[in-house]
Amino acid sequence: MSGVFASLFQDVLNRVYIMSKKKNKNAMKKKADFPQKVCPVCQRPFSWRKKWAMCWDEVKYCSKRCRGERNFSG
């Protein structure tokens, strides 16, 4: 009886181990993995945001404030 239980237990452990090794497609990405740009006004780096997904190539400024001050920076 203990041999049957041990083999079932080992089978369960193997399945759990395999499931834990599979990559989760929905796993959150680290912020360091996102592309970055440098704001021309404040000279600070800023990262990609989901709301910029469709227009990331056009994004130049890190915030509305910097976009408003673009003409005043010299």
N, C-alpha and C. Protein backbone atom coordinates (compact mmCIF):
# COMPACT_ATOMS: atom_id res chain seq x y z
N MET A 1 0.82 -1.20 0.00
CA MET A 1 0.00 0.00 0.00
C MET A 1 0.87 1.26 0.00
N SER A 2 1.96 1.23 0.74
CA SER A 2 2.81 2.42 0.79
C SER A 2 3.53 2.63 -0.54
N GLY A 3 3.82 1.56 -1.27
CA GLY A 3 4.46 1.68 -2.58
C GLY A 3 3.57 2.38 -3.58
N VAL A 4 2.26 2.08 -3.53
CA VAL A 4 1.30 2.72 -4.43
C VAL A 4 1.18 4.20 -4.08
N PHE A 5 1.10 4.47 -2.78
CA PHE A 5 1.00 5.86 -2.32
C PHE A 5 2.26 6.64 -2.71
N ALA A 6 3.42 6.04 -2.57
CA ALA A 6 4.67 6.71 -2.90
C ALA A 6 4.75 7.02 -4.38
N SER A 7 4.32 6.10 -5.23
CA SER A 7 4.37 6.36 -6.66
C SER A 7 3.37 7.44 -7.07
N LEU A 8 2.17 7.45 -6.45
CA LEU A 8 1.20 8.51 -6.73
C LEU A 8 1.72 9.86 -6.27
N PHE A 9 2.33 9.87 -5.10
CA PHE A 9 2.87 11.10 -4.55
C PHE A 9 3.99 11.64 -5.45
N GLN A 10 4.85 10.75 -5.92
CA GLN A 10 5.94 11.15 -6.81
C GLN A 10 5.40 11.68 -8.13
N ASP A 11 4.34 11.06 -8.64
CA ASP A 11 3.72 11.52 -9.88
C ASP A 11 3.16 12.93 -9.71
N VAL A 12 2.51 13.18 -8.58
CA VAL A 12 1.96 14.52 -8.30
C VAL A 12 3.10 15.53 -8.20
N LEU A 13 4.18 15.18 -7.52
CA LEU A 13 5.31 16.09 -7.39
C LEU A 13 5.93 16.42 -8.76
N ASN A 14 6.03 15.42 -9.61
CA ASN A 14 6.57 15.65 -10.95
C ASN A 14 5.69 16.60 -11.76
N ARG A 15 4.38 16.43 -11.67
CA ARG A 15 3.47 17.31 -12.39
C ARG A 15 3.55 18.74 -11.89
N VAL A 16 3.63 18.89 -10.57
CA VAL A 16 3.74 20.23 -9.99
C VAL A 16 5.04 20.88 -10.44
N TYR A 17 6.12 20.12 -10.45
CA TYR A 17 7.41 20.65 -10.87
C TYR A 17 7.38 21.09 -12.33
N ILE A 18 6.77 20.29 -13.19
CA ILE A 18 6.68 20.63 -14.61
C ILE A 18 5.85 21.89 -14.80
N MET A 19 4.74 22.00 -14.08
CA MET A 19 3.88 23.17 -14.21
C MET A 19 4.60 24.42 -13.72
N SER A 20 5.43 24.30 -12.70
CA SER A 20 6.13 25.47 -12.18
C SER A 20 7.22 25.93 -13.13
N LYS A 21 7.72 25.08 -13.99
CA LYS A 21 8.78 25.42 -14.92
C LYS A 21 8.26 26.03 -16.22
N LYS A 22 6.98 25.87 -16.50
CA LYS A 22 6.41 26.43 -17.72
C LYS A 22 6.37 27.95 -17.60
N LYS A 23 6.62 28.62 -18.71
CA LYS A 23 6.59 30.07 -18.74
C LYS A 23 5.14 30.55 -18.74
N ASN A 24 4.88 31.56 -17.94
CA ASN A 24 3.56 32.15 -17.88
C ASN A 24 3.50 33.27 -18.92
N LYS A 25 2.66 33.12 -19.93
CA LYS A 25 2.55 34.12 -20.99
C LYS A 25 2.01 35.44 -20.46
N ASN A 26 1.24 35.41 -19.39
CA ASN A 26 0.63 36.61 -18.85
C ASN A 26 1.45 37.21 -17.71
N ALA A 27 2.65 36.74 -17.52
CA ALA A 27 3.47 37.26 -16.43
C ALA A 27 3.80 38.72 -16.70
N MET A 28 3.84 39.49 -15.64
CA MET A 28 4.15 40.91 -15.76
C MET A 28 5.63 41.08 -16.12
N LYS A 29 5.91 42.04 -16.96
CA LYS A 29 7.27 42.34 -17.32
C LYS A 29 7.86 43.32 -16.31
N LYS A 30 9.16 43.23 -16.13
CA LYS A 30 9.84 44.17 -15.26
C LYS A 30 9.96 45.50 -16.00
N LYS A 31 9.91 46.58 -15.23
CA LYS A 31 9.99 47.90 -15.85
C LYS A 31 11.32 48.09 -16.56
N ALA A 32 12.35 47.44 -16.09
CA ALA A 32 13.67 47.56 -16.72
C ALA A 32 13.68 46.95 -18.12
N ASP A 33 12.74 46.09 -18.43
CA ASP A 33 12.66 45.45 -19.74
C ASP A 33 12.01 46.32 -20.81
N PHE A 34 11.34 47.40 -20.40
CA PHE A 34 10.67 48.28 -21.35
C PHE A 34 11.68 49.23 -21.99
N PRO A 35 11.41 49.66 -23.22
CA PRO A 35 12.31 50.63 -23.86
C PRO A 35 12.26 51.97 -23.14
N GLN A 36 13.35 52.71 -23.24
CA GLN A 36 13.43 54.02 -22.59
C GLN A 36 13.85 55.08 -23.58
N LYS A 37 13.49 56.32 -23.24
CA LYS A 37 13.92 57.51 -23.98
C LYS A 37 14.34 58.55 -22.96
N VAL A 38 15.03 59.59 -23.43
CA VAL A 38 15.42 60.70 -22.56
C VAL A 38 14.61 61.93 -22.98
N CYS A 39 14.00 62.56 -22.01
CA CYS A 39 13.19 63.76 -22.27
C CYS A 39 14.14 64.91 -22.63
N PRO A 40 13.89 65.61 -23.75
CA PRO A 40 14.78 66.71 -24.15
C PRO A 40 14.67 67.95 -23.25
N VAL A 41 13.60 68.06 -22.46
CA VAL A 41 13.42 69.23 -21.60
C VAL A 41 14.09 69.02 -20.24
N CYS A 42 13.75 67.93 -19.56
CA CYS A 42 14.27 67.71 -18.20
C CYS A 42 15.47 66.77 -18.17
N GLN A 43 15.81 66.19 -19.31
CA GLN A 43 16.97 65.29 -19.43
C GLN A 43 16.87 64.04 -18.55
N ARG A 44 15.67 63.64 -18.20
CA ARG A 44 15.45 62.44 -17.39
C ARG A 44 14.97 61.30 -18.28
N PRO A 45 15.38 60.08 -17.97
CA PRO A 45 14.89 58.94 -18.75
C PRO A 45 13.45 58.61 -18.37
N PHE A 46 12.67 58.20 -19.34
CA PHE A 46 11.32 57.74 -19.06
C PHE A 46 11.06 56.48 -19.85
N SER A 47 10.21 55.61 -19.31
CA SER A 47 9.96 54.29 -19.87
C SER A 47 8.66 54.26 -20.66
N TRP A 48 8.56 53.24 -21.49
CA TRP A 48 7.37 52.96 -22.28
C TRP A 48 6.18 52.77 -21.36
N ARG A 49 5.04 53.28 -21.79
CA ARG A 49 3.78 53.07 -21.07
C ARG A 49 2.77 52.46 -22.02
N LYS A 50 1.83 51.75 -21.45
CA LYS A 50 0.84 51.07 -22.28
C LYS A 50 0.04 52.05 -23.13
N LYS A 51 -0.24 53.24 -22.59
CA LYS A 51 -1.03 54.21 -23.35
C LYS A 51 -0.25 54.76 -24.55
N TRP A 52 1.08 54.55 -24.57
CA TRP A 52 1.91 54.98 -25.68
C TRP A 52 2.18 53.84 -26.66
N ALA A 53 1.52 52.73 -26.53
CA ALA A 53 1.81 51.54 -27.34
C ALA A 53 1.67 51.82 -28.83
N MET A 54 0.68 52.57 -29.23
CA MET A 54 0.43 52.82 -30.65
C MET A 54 1.27 53.97 -31.21
N CYS A 55 1.84 54.81 -30.34
CA CYS A 55 2.55 55.99 -30.84
C CYS A 55 3.91 56.19 -30.17
N TRP A 56 4.56 55.12 -29.74
CA TRP A 56 5.82 55.23 -29.01
C TRP A 56 6.88 55.95 -29.84
N ASP A 57 6.90 55.78 -31.14
CA ASP A 57 7.89 56.44 -31.98
C ASP A 57 7.71 57.96 -32.00
N GLU A 58 6.49 58.42 -31.75
CA GLU A 58 6.19 59.85 -31.77
C GLU A 58 6.36 60.52 -30.41
N VAL A 59 6.46 59.76 -29.35
CA VAL A 59 6.56 60.32 -28.00
C VAL A 59 7.95 60.94 -27.82
N LYS A 60 7.98 62.21 -27.40
CA LYS A 60 9.25 62.91 -27.19
C LYS A 60 9.43 63.36 -25.74
N TYR A 61 8.33 63.67 -25.07
CA TYR A 61 8.41 64.27 -23.75
C TYR A 61 7.85 63.32 -22.69
N CYS A 62 8.37 63.41 -21.49
CA CYS A 62 7.97 62.48 -20.43
C CYS A 62 6.64 62.84 -19.80
N SER A 63 6.21 64.10 -19.93
CA SER A 63 4.98 64.52 -19.26
C SER A 63 4.35 65.70 -20.00
N LYS A 64 3.16 66.05 -19.60
CA LYS A 64 2.48 67.22 -20.17
C LYS A 64 3.22 68.49 -19.79
N ARG A 65 3.77 68.49 -18.59
CA ARG A 65 4.52 69.66 -18.13
C ARG A 65 5.74 69.93 -19.02
N CYS A 66 6.50 68.89 -19.32
CA CYS A 66 7.66 69.06 -20.19
C CYS A 66 7.24 69.42 -21.61
N ARG A 67 6.15 68.89 -22.08
CA ARG A 67 5.67 69.23 -23.42
C ARG A 67 5.28 70.72 -23.46
N GLY A 68 4.72 71.22 -22.36
CA GLY A 68 4.34 72.64 -22.29
C GLY A 68 5.53 73.57 -22.15
N GLU A 69 6.60 73.10 -21.57
CA GLU A 69 7.79 73.91 -21.36
C GLU A 69 8.82 73.76 -22.48
N ARG A 70 8.51 73.03 -23.53
CA ARG A 70 9.48 72.77 -24.59
C ARG A 70 10.00 74.03 -25.26
N ASN A 71 9.15 75.06 -25.37
CA ASN A 71 9.56 76.30 -26.03
C ASN A 71 10.41 77.17 -25.11
N PHE A 72 10.31 76.95 -23.82
CA PHE A 72 11.01 77.80 -22.86
C PHE A 72 12.39 77.26 -22.48
N SER A 73 12.66 76.00 -22.83
CA SER A 73 13.98 75.46 -22.52
C SER A 73 14.95 75.94 -23.59
N GLY A 74 16.15 76.25 -23.17
CA GLY A 74 17.03 76.80 -24.16
C GLY A 74 18.26 76.05 -24.32
